[in-house]
N, C-alpha and C. Protein backbone atom coordinates (compact mmCIF):
# COMPACT_ATOMS: atom_id res chain seq x y z
N MET A 1 -13.73 -8.28 2.24
CA MET A 1 -11.99 -7.55 2.02
C MET A 1 -12.28 -8.28 1.11
N ASP A 2 -11.15 -7.83 0.83
CA ASP A 2 -10.73 -8.09 -1.15
C ASP A 2 -10.04 -10.24 -0.96
N ASP A 3 -9.87 -10.53 -1.89
CA ASP A 3 -10.37 -12.34 -2.39
C ASP A 3 -9.00 -11.44 -3.06
N LYS A 4 -7.75 -11.71 -3.21
CA LYS A 4 -6.80 -11.15 -3.89
C LYS A 4 -6.61 -12.79 -5.01
N ARG A 5 -7.35 -13.98 -5.14
CA ARG A 5 -6.84 -15.25 -5.87
C ARG A 5 -7.96 -14.27 -6.54
N LYS A 6 -8.77 -14.04 -6.45
CA LYS A 6 -9.54 -13.07 -7.61
C LYS A 6 -9.37 -11.86 -8.36
N LYS A 7 -9.62 -12.16 -10.32
CA LYS A 7 -9.33 -10.58 -10.54
C LYS A 7 -10.32 -10.45 -11.93
N GLY A 8 -9.75 -9.31 -11.85
CA GLY A 8 -10.76 -8.78 -13.09
C GLY A 8 -11.81 -7.17 -12.31
N GLY A 9 -12.89 -7.27 -13.00
CA GLY A 9 -13.51 -5.93 -12.83
C GLY A 9 -14.15 -6.18 -11.98
N ALA A 10 -15.13 -6.81 -11.26
CA ALA A 10 -16.16 -6.67 -9.91
C ALA A 10 -15.42 -6.27 -8.97
N ASP A 11 -13.98 -6.19 -8.82
CA ASP A 11 -13.01 -5.44 -7.81
C ASP A 11 -13.24 -4.19 -7.50
N ARG A 12 -13.00 -3.63 -9.31
CA ARG A 12 -13.33 -2.02 -9.29
C ARG A 12 -14.24 -0.88 -8.80
N THR A 13 -15.03 -1.52 -8.60
CA THR A 13 -16.32 -0.72 -7.93
C THR A 13 -16.09 -0.10 -6.64
N ARG A 14 -14.92 -0.04 -6.13
CA ARG A 14 -15.36 0.37 -5.09
C ARG A 14 -13.54 0.55 -4.51
N ILE A 15 -13.53 1.90 -4.16
CA ILE A 15 -12.07 1.66 -3.50
C ILE A 15 -11.19 1.77 -2.09
N ASN A 16 -10.41 0.70 -1.69
CA ASN A 16 -9.89 0.23 -0.27
C ASN A 16 -8.74 1.76 0.09
N ILE A 17 -8.84 2.95 0.27
CA ILE A 17 -7.66 3.36 0.39
C ILE A 17 -6.99 2.26 1.43
N ASN A 18 -6.73 1.49 2.68
CA ASN A 18 -6.53 0.80 3.50
C ASN A 18 -5.73 -0.19 2.52
N GLU A 19 -5.52 -0.19 1.35
CA GLU A 19 -4.98 -0.76 0.89
C GLU A 19 -3.85 -0.11 -0.36
N GLY A 20 -2.62 -0.19 -0.22
CA GLY A 20 -1.13 0.70 -1.43
C GLY A 20 -0.95 0.34 -2.61
N TYR A 21 -1.74 -1.10 -3.25
CA TYR A 21 -2.41 -1.31 -4.10
C TYR A 21 -2.88 -0.73 -4.54
N GLU A 22 -4.11 -0.40 -4.12
CA GLU A 22 -5.84 0.49 -4.23
C GLU A 22 -5.36 1.91 -4.71
N LEU A 23 -4.63 2.29 -3.88
CA LEU A 23 -4.36 3.53 -2.85
C LEU A 23 -2.91 3.60 -4.76
N ASP A 24 -1.70 2.68 -5.26
CA ASP A 24 -1.47 3.24 -6.57
C ASP A 24 -2.53 3.41 -7.64
N TYR A 25 -2.93 1.90 -8.15
CA TYR A 25 -3.75 2.52 -8.90
C TYR A 25 -4.83 3.09 -9.39
N TRP A 26 -5.76 3.63 -7.92
CA TRP A 26 -6.75 4.64 -7.96
C TRP A 26 -6.16 5.94 -8.46
N SER A 27 -4.72 6.85 -7.33
CA SER A 27 -4.54 7.98 -8.06
C SER A 27 -4.02 7.63 -8.95
N ASN A 28 -3.27 6.82 -10.10
CA ASN A 28 -2.51 6.39 -11.31
C ASN A 28 -3.69 7.47 -12.03
N LYS A 29 -5.37 6.14 -11.90
CA LYS A 29 -6.42 5.98 -12.53
C LYS A 29 -7.10 7.67 -13.21
N PHE A 30 -6.43 8.78 -12.35
CA PHE A 30 -7.57 9.53 -12.01
C PHE A 30 -6.29 10.49 -12.05
N GLY A 31 -5.22 10.10 -11.97
CA GLY A 31 -4.09 11.22 -12.71
C GLY A 31 -4.52 12.41 -10.82
N VAL A 32 -4.54 11.59 -9.55
CA VAL A 32 -3.91 12.28 -8.71
C VAL A 32 -2.90 11.73 -8.08
N SER A 33 -2.79 12.61 -6.46
CA SER A 33 -1.90 12.93 -5.70
C SER A 33 -2.81 11.32 -4.61
N LYS A 34 -2.25 10.90 -4.10
CA LYS A 34 -3.26 9.62 -3.03
C LYS A 34 -3.82 10.89 -2.05
N ASP A 35 -3.25 11.53 -0.81
CA ASP A 35 -3.98 11.85 -0.52
C ASP A 35 -5.07 13.12 -0.95
N LYS A 36 -4.96 13.38 -1.78
CA LYS A 36 -6.66 14.13 -2.89
C LYS A 36 -7.30 13.16 -3.47
N LEU A 37 -6.90 11.70 -3.49
CA LEU A 37 -7.43 10.50 -3.32
C LEU A 37 -8.15 10.29 -2.05
N LYS A 38 -7.31 10.08 -0.82
CA LYS A 38 -7.81 9.85 0.11
C LYS A 38 -9.07 10.64 1.02
N ALA A 39 -9.02 12.08 0.47
CA ALA A 39 -10.25 13.08 0.44
C ALA A 39 -11.44 13.83 -0.25
N ALA A 40 -10.74 12.51 -1.20
CA ALA A 40 -12.62 12.22 -1.97
C ALA A 40 -13.04 11.62 -1.48
N VAL A 41 -12.23 10.38 -1.10
CA VAL A 41 -12.50 9.26 -0.35
C VAL A 41 -14.02 9.60 0.82
N ASP A 42 -13.46 10.02 1.33
CA ASP A 42 -13.41 10.52 2.79
C ASP A 42 -14.43 11.62 2.53
N THR A 43 -14.82 12.64 1.39
CA THR A 43 -16.30 13.25 0.90
C THR A 43 -17.33 11.79 0.13
N VAL A 44 -17.35 11.47 -0.40
CA VAL A 44 -18.51 10.70 -1.10
C VAL A 44 -17.74 10.00 -1.09
N GLY A 45 -17.15 8.74 -0.41
CA GLY A 45 -17.60 7.35 0.04
C GLY A 45 -17.03 6.61 -1.32
N THR A 46 -16.38 5.77 -0.83
CA THR A 46 -15.79 4.60 -1.92
C THR A 46 -16.01 3.67 -3.28
N SER A 47 -17.09 4.57 -3.83
CA SER A 47 -17.31 4.49 -5.24
C SER A 47 -16.79 4.94 -5.94
N ALA A 48 -16.24 3.93 -7.02
CA ALA A 48 -15.27 4.49 -8.14
C ALA A 48 -16.01 5.72 -9.19
N ASP A 49 -16.98 5.75 -9.16
CA ASP A 49 -17.95 6.13 -10.04
C ASP A 49 -18.76 7.76 -9.33
N ALA A 50 -18.02 7.22 -8.41
CA ALA A 50 -18.71 8.60 -7.32
C ALA A 50 -17.41 9.48 -6.98
N VAL A 51 -16.07 8.68 -6.94
CA VAL A 51 -14.30 9.55 -6.23
C VAL A 51 -14.23 10.64 -7.50
N GLU A 52 -14.77 10.08 -8.85
CA GLU A 52 -14.33 9.86 -10.64
C GLU A 52 -14.94 11.21 -10.61
N ASP A 53 -16.54 11.33 -10.17
CA ASP A 53 -17.42 12.44 -10.34
C ASP A 53 -17.20 13.88 -10.03
N TYR A 54 -16.38 12.90 -8.72
CA TYR A 54 -16.20 14.45 -7.47
C TYR A 54 -14.96 15.12 -7.81
N LEU A 55 -13.94 14.31 -8.57
CA LEU A 55 -12.66 14.41 -8.87
C LEU A 55 -12.69 15.40 -10.34
N LYS A 56 -13.76 15.51 -10.86
CA LYS A 56 -14.04 15.71 -12.46
C LYS A 56 -13.98 17.01 -12.41
N LYS A 57 -15.16 17.94 -11.20
CA LYS A 57 -15.67 18.80 -10.63
C LYS A 57 -14.43 20.53 -10.12
């Protein structure tokens, strides 16, 4: 579970599609809709690197 008191890069390796602010962040970062981001996470898992690679294809 996210510890919102901690800030920094360690939390940026996984995507939690159940948090609205993370959906906003990652969909903006990858330039995709929230639905497309959710579909990518369903397909390849929560690893930000894996999702990024999937979306680039």
